[in-house]
């Protein structure tokens, strides 16, 4: 059985500081954790480093219609 530590160092994107519709990202040993900033108690999901890197590259590459 593998146990994971709780995510730490939660932060919001600097681009979403003035809005309420955003997510927060926390660090986990193997990647990143993501949660809704309006409902932190609802939980979070985790990604591996490779998955998170691919997601960030897609966002920066404007691959999501907006």
N, C-alpha and C. Protein backbone atom coordinates (compact mmCIF):
# COMPACT_ATOMS: atom_id res chain seq x y z
N UNK A 1 0.84 -1.18 0.00
CA UNK A 1 0.00 0.00 0.00
C UNK A 1 0.89 1.24 0.00
N UNK A 2 0.57 2.18 -0.87
CA UNK A 2 1.35 3.40 -0.98
C UNK A 2 0.59 4.56 -0.35
N UNK A 3 1.22 5.29 0.56
CA UNK A 3 0.60 6.45 1.18
C UNK A 3 1.22 7.71 0.61
N UNK A 4 0.38 8.70 0.37
CA UNK A 4 0.85 9.95 -0.18
C UNK A 4 0.68 11.06 0.85
N UNK A 5 1.63 11.94 0.89
CA UNK A 5 1.52 13.10 1.76
C UNK A 5 0.51 14.08 1.19
N UNK A 6 -0.08 14.87 2.06
CA UNK A 6 -1.01 15.90 1.61
C UNK A 6 -0.27 16.93 0.76
N UNK A 7 -0.96 17.49 -0.23
CA UNK A 7 -0.33 18.56 -1.03
C UNK A 7 0.06 19.73 -0.14
N UNK A 8 1.09 20.44 -0.54
CA UNK A 8 1.55 21.59 0.22
C UNK A 8 1.80 22.77 -0.72
N UNK A 9 1.96 23.92 -0.12
CA UNK A 9 2.27 25.15 -0.87
C UNK A 9 1.21 25.46 -1.92
N UNK A 10 -0.06 25.41 -1.54
CA UNK A 10 -1.14 25.75 -2.47
C UNK A 10 -0.98 27.19 -2.93
N UNK A 11 -1.26 27.43 -4.22
CA UNK A 11 -1.21 28.80 -4.73
C UNK A 11 -2.16 28.96 -5.91
N UNK A 12 -2.58 30.20 -6.11
CA UNK A 12 -3.42 30.54 -7.26
C UNK A 12 -2.52 31.15 -8.32
N UNK A 13 -2.96 31.03 -9.55
CA UNK A 13 -2.24 31.67 -10.64
C UNK A 13 -2.23 33.18 -10.44
N UNK A 14 -1.13 33.80 -10.78
CA UNK A 14 -1.05 35.26 -10.68
C UNK A 14 -2.04 35.92 -11.62
N UNK A 15 -2.48 35.22 -12.64
CA UNK A 15 -3.45 35.77 -13.58
C UNK A 15 -4.88 35.70 -13.05
N UNK A 16 -5.11 35.01 -11.96
CA UNK A 16 -6.47 34.87 -11.44
C UNK A 16 -6.63 35.47 -10.05
N UNK A 17 -5.72 36.29 -9.62
CA UNK A 17 -5.78 36.85 -8.28
C UNK A 17 -7.01 37.73 -8.04
N UNK A 18 -7.54 38.35 -9.06
CA UNK A 18 -8.67 39.27 -8.89
C UNK A 18 -10.01 38.64 -9.24
N UNK A 19 -10.07 37.34 -9.41
CA UNK A 19 -11.32 36.67 -9.72
C UNK A 19 -11.61 35.58 -8.69
N UNK A 20 -12.85 35.10 -8.67
CA UNK A 20 -13.20 34.02 -7.76
C UNK A 20 -13.30 32.69 -8.49
N UNK A 21 -13.28 32.71 -9.81
CA UNK A 21 -13.40 31.49 -10.60
C UNK A 21 -12.02 30.97 -10.97
N UNK A 22 -11.42 30.24 -10.05
CA UNK A 22 -10.08 29.76 -10.36
C UNK A 22 -9.79 28.48 -9.58
N UNK A 23 -8.68 27.93 -9.86
CA UNK A 23 -8.20 26.75 -9.16
C UNK A 23 -6.89 27.08 -8.47
N UNK A 24 -6.54 26.23 -7.53
CA UNK A 24 -5.26 26.36 -6.85
C UNK A 24 -4.45 25.10 -7.15
N UNK A 25 -3.15 25.26 -7.16
CA UNK A 25 -2.25 24.15 -7.43
C UNK A 25 -1.35 23.97 -6.22
N UNK A 26 -1.20 22.72 -5.80
CA UNK A 26 -0.32 22.39 -4.69
C UNK A 26 0.73 21.39 -5.13
N UNK A 27 1.81 21.33 -4.39
CA UNK A 27 2.89 20.39 -4.71
C UNK A 27 2.65 19.04 -4.03
N UNK A 28 2.91 17.99 -4.78
CA UNK A 28 2.99 16.64 -4.23
C UNK A 28 4.30 16.05 -4.74
N UNK A 29 4.77 15.02 -4.10
CA UNK A 29 6.09 14.47 -4.42
C UNK A 29 6.24 14.07 -5.89
N UNK A 30 5.17 13.59 -6.50
CA UNK A 30 5.24 13.04 -7.85
C UNK A 30 4.66 13.95 -8.91
N UNK A 31 4.18 15.16 -8.53
CA UNK A 31 3.58 16.04 -9.53
C UNK A 31 2.86 17.21 -8.90
N UNK A 32 1.57 17.36 -9.23
CA UNK A 32 0.79 18.49 -8.76
C UNK A 32 -0.59 18.04 -8.31
N UNK A 33 -1.18 18.82 -7.41
CA UNK A 33 -2.55 18.61 -6.98
C UNK A 33 -3.34 19.86 -7.37
N UNK A 34 -4.61 19.68 -7.75
CA UNK A 34 -5.43 20.79 -8.21
C UNK A 34 -6.76 20.76 -7.44
N UNK A 35 -7.20 21.94 -6.96
CA UNK A 35 -8.48 22.03 -6.26
C UNK A 35 -9.19 23.32 -6.63
N UNK A 36 -10.49 23.36 -6.37
CA UNK A 36 -11.32 24.54 -6.60
C UNK A 36 -11.09 25.52 -5.45
N UNK A 37 -10.71 26.73 -5.75
CA UNK A 37 -10.42 27.70 -4.70
C UNK A 37 -11.67 28.13 -3.92
N UNK A 38 -12.85 27.97 -4.51
CA UNK A 38 -14.09 28.33 -3.83
C UNK A 38 -14.59 27.24 -2.91
N UNK A 39 -14.14 26.00 -3.11
CA UNK A 39 -14.62 24.87 -2.31
C UNK A 39 -13.45 23.95 -1.99
N UNK A 40 -12.54 24.44 -1.20
CA UNK A 40 -11.32 23.69 -0.88
C UNK A 40 -11.61 22.36 -0.19
N UNK A 41 -12.71 22.29 0.53
CA UNK A 41 -13.05 21.07 1.24
C UNK A 41 -13.57 19.96 0.34
N UNK A 42 -13.84 20.26 -0.91
CA UNK A 42 -14.39 19.26 -1.84
C UNK A 42 -13.35 18.26 -2.31
N UNK A 43 -12.10 18.51 -1.99
CA UNK A 43 -11.05 17.59 -2.40
C UNK A 43 -10.20 18.14 -3.53
N UNK A 44 -9.38 17.28 -4.07
CA UNK A 44 -8.45 17.68 -5.13
C UNK A 44 -8.13 16.46 -5.97
N UNK A 45 -7.57 16.70 -7.14
CA UNK A 45 -7.05 15.59 -7.94
C UNK A 45 -5.56 15.81 -8.13
N UNK A 46 -4.87 14.74 -8.44
CA UNK A 46 -3.43 14.82 -8.61
C UNK A 46 -3.03 14.42 -10.02
N UNK A 47 -1.89 14.91 -10.44
CA UNK A 47 -1.31 14.56 -11.73
C UNK A 47 0.16 14.23 -11.53
N UNK A 48 0.72 13.49 -12.45
CA UNK A 48 2.15 13.25 -12.43
C UNK A 48 2.87 14.48 -12.97
N UNK A 49 4.15 14.53 -12.80
CA UNK A 49 4.93 15.65 -13.35
C UNK A 49 4.76 15.74 -14.87
N UNK A 50 4.83 14.59 -15.54
CA UNK A 50 4.69 14.59 -17.00
C UNK A 50 3.31 15.08 -17.44
N UNK A 51 2.26 14.65 -16.75
CA UNK A 51 0.91 15.10 -17.09
C UNK A 51 0.78 16.60 -16.86
N UNK A 52 1.28 17.09 -15.75
CA UNK A 52 1.18 18.52 -15.45
C UNK A 52 1.97 19.34 -16.47
N UNK A 53 3.15 18.89 -16.81
CA UNK A 53 3.97 19.60 -17.81
C UNK A 53 3.26 19.66 -19.15
N UNK A 54 2.63 18.55 -19.55
CA UNK A 54 1.89 18.52 -20.82
C UNK A 54 0.70 19.48 -20.78
N UNK A 55 0.01 19.53 -19.65
CA UNK A 55 -1.12 20.44 -19.51
C UNK A 55 -0.67 21.89 -19.60
N UNK A 56 0.38 22.25 -18.89
CA UNK A 56 0.89 23.62 -18.90
C UNK A 56 1.34 24.00 -20.32
N UNK A 57 2.01 23.08 -21.01
CA UNK A 57 2.45 23.36 -22.38
C UNK A 57 1.24 23.59 -23.28
N UNK A 58 0.17 22.84 -23.09
CA UNK A 58 -1.04 23.02 -23.90
C UNK A 58 -1.69 24.37 -23.61
N UNK A 59 -1.73 24.77 -22.35
CA UNK A 59 -2.30 26.07 -22.00
C UNK A 59 -1.46 27.19 -22.62
N UNK A 60 -0.16 27.11 -22.46
CA UNK A 60 0.73 28.14 -23.01
C UNK A 60 0.70 28.14 -24.54
N UNK A 61 0.44 26.99 -25.14
CA UNK A 61 0.35 26.88 -26.60
C UNK A 61 -1.01 27.25 -27.15
N UNK A 62 -1.91 27.72 -26.26
CA UNK A 62 -3.23 28.18 -26.65
C UNK A 62 -4.04 27.07 -27.34
N UNK A 63 -3.93 25.85 -26.83
CA UNK A 63 -4.62 24.73 -27.45
C UNK A 63 -6.03 24.52 -26.93
N UNK A 64 -6.48 25.38 -26.00
CA UNK A 64 -7.84 25.28 -25.48
C UNK A 64 -8.65 26.48 -25.96
N UNK A 65 -9.77 26.23 -26.63
CA UNK A 65 -10.57 27.37 -27.10
C UNK A 65 -11.14 28.11 -25.91
N UNK A 66 -11.25 29.40 -26.06
CA UNK A 66 -11.63 30.10 -24.92
C UNK A 66 -12.66 31.05 -24.77
